[in-house]
Amino acid sequence: MSIVCDINLPEGALILDVRSKKECKSSGYLEGSVFVETPSPPLTFSQLKTLKAKLFKVVFDIKFDRFIAIYCKKGIRAKVTKDILDVWGFTNVKVLGGIETYPLKICFK
């Protein structure tokens, strides 16, 4: 099930969905998002390491100033992911929060 939301994002924005497969299946996903499987918090050191590896595969070849929007179920994993991207030097990252917050439509400017 695809969910859309009323958030205006710049054209070419990367939207990251950092939830579990089960959450994605039961709640749907934002149209156009890239799924980076992440277990429910709290994340163990090993799970955090795995998240970093999966995230690196998604972002390794994009520009550091590309707009990246991140969401999860409630916002915690999105914030953790933003913190990782900040440390890696990405400068245009926004936490959308939780999927439960955005049951509408994503729009690109």
Protein backbone atom coordinates (compact mmCIF):
# COMPACT_ATOMS: atom_id res chain seq x y z
CA MET A 1 0.00 0.00 0.00
CA SER A 2 1.39 3.36 -1.01
CA ILE A 3 0.70 6.42 1.12
CA VAL A 4 1.12 9.97 -0.09
CA CYS A 5 1.53 13.14 1.98
CA ASP A 6 1.25 16.92 1.58
CA ILE A 7 4.93 17.79 2.02
CA ASN A 8 6.61 19.95 -0.58
CA LEU A 9 10.05 18.58 -1.31
CA PRO A 10 12.57 19.80 -3.87
CA GLU A 11 12.70 17.91 -7.17
CA GLY A 12 15.25 15.11 -6.91
CA ALA A 13 14.89 14.72 -3.14
CA LEU A 14 15.86 11.35 -1.72
CA ILE A 15 13.21 10.01 0.67
CA LEU A 16 14.40 7.32 3.07
CA ASP A 17 12.05 4.94 4.88
CA VAL A 18 13.91 3.53 7.90
CA ARG A 19 11.43 1.02 9.34
CA SER A 20 11.12 -2.75 9.58
CA LYS A 21 9.61 -4.81 6.75
CA LYS A 22 6.68 -5.65 9.02
CA GLU A 23 5.96 -1.95 9.69
CA CYS A 24 6.24 -1.11 6.01
CA LYS A 25 3.86 -3.91 5.11
CA SER A 26 1.27 -3.02 7.74
CA SER A 27 1.40 0.80 7.48
CA GLY A 28 2.33 1.35 3.85
CA TYR A 29 5.08 3.63 2.62
CA LEU A 30 5.50 7.10 1.16
CA GLU A 31 5.42 7.05 -2.62
CA GLY A 32 8.92 7.37 -4.08
CA SER A 33 10.75 6.44 -0.90
CA VAL A 34 13.81 4.18 -0.66
CA PHE A 35 13.42 1.45 1.96
CA VAL A 36 16.36 0.95 4.34
CA GLU A 37 15.31 -1.86 6.66
CA THR A 38 15.83 -0.91 10.30
CA PRO A 39 14.57 -2.79 13.37
CA SER A 40 12.45 -1.11 16.02
CA PRO A 41 14.31 0.90 18.68
CA PRO A 42 16.21 0.74 20.85
CA LEU A 43 18.95 -0.20 18.38
CA THR A 44 21.82 -2.34 19.59
CA PHE A 45 25.38 -1.50 18.55
CA SER A 46 25.26 -4.34 16.02
CA GLN A 47 21.95 -3.10 14.55
CA LEU A 48 23.34 0.44 14.34
CA LYS A 49 26.38 -0.88 12.50
CA THR A 50 24.11 -2.74 10.06
CA LEU A 51 22.01 0.41 9.54
CA LYS A 52 25.16 2.37 8.69
CA ALA A 53 26.23 -0.26 6.15
CA LYS A 54 22.80 -0.32 4.47
CA LEU A 55 22.61 3.46 4.48
CA PHE A 56 26.07 3.77 2.95
CA LYS A 57 24.97 1.61 -0.01
CA VAL A 58 22.11 4.05 -0.66
CA VAL A 59 24.00 7.35 -0.32
CA PHE A 60 27.61 6.58 -1.29
CA ASP A 61 27.36 8.16 -4.75
CA ILE A 62 25.12 11.16 -4.12
CA LYS A 63 26.18 14.78 -3.58
CA PHE A 64 26.51 15.97 0.01
CA ASP A 65 24.06 18.83 -0.60
CA ARG A 66 21.26 16.71 -2.10
CA PHE A 67 18.02 17.07 -0.16
CA ILE A 68 17.34 13.95 1.91
CA ALA A 69 14.06 13.45 3.80
CA ILE A 70 13.81 10.63 6.33
CA TYR A 71 10.86 9.00 8.08
CA CYS A 72 10.14 5.94 10.20
CA LYS A 73 7.19 4.97 12.40
CA LYS A 74 7.46 7.61 15.15
CA GLY A 75 10.61 9.61 14.29
CA ILE A 76 13.29 8.03 16.49
CA ARG A 77 15.06 6.00 13.78
CA ALA A 78 14.71 8.93 11.36
CA LYS A 79 16.60 11.13 13.86
CA VAL A 80 19.32 8.47 14.33
CA THR A 81 19.68 8.22 10.54
CA LYS A 82 19.92 12.01 10.22
CA ASP A 83 22.65 12.06 12.86
CA ILE A 84 24.63 9.46 10.86
CA LEU A 85 24.24 11.46 7.63
CA ASP A 86 25.27 14.67 9.42
CA VAL A 87 28.46 13.02 10.66
CA TRP A 88 29.17 11.82 7.10
CA GLY A 89 28.94 15.41 5.86
CA PHE A 90 25.47 15.61 4.32
CA THR A 91 24.20 19.18 4.66
CA ASN A 92 20.56 19.10 3.53
CA VAL A 93 18.84 16.43 5.61
CA LYS A 94 15.35 16.73 7.09
CA VAL A 95 13.56 14.41 9.49
CA LEU A 96 9.94 14.11 8.44
CA GLY A 97 9.13 12.24 11.63
CA GLY A 98 6.86 9.22 11.76
CA ILE A 99 4.68 7.74 9.02
CA GLU A 100 1.77 8.06 11.43
CA THR A 101 2.23 11.84 11.14
CA TYR A 102 1.89 11.99 7.33
CA PRO A 103 -1.18 10.19 5.95
CA LEU A 104 -1.52 12.51 2.92
CA LYS A 105 0.51 13.23 -0.25
CA ILE A 106 4.16 14.06 -1.04
CA CYS A 107 4.56 16.78 -3.64
CA PHE A 108 7.70 17.80 -5.49
CA LYS A 109 8.39 21.47 -6.30
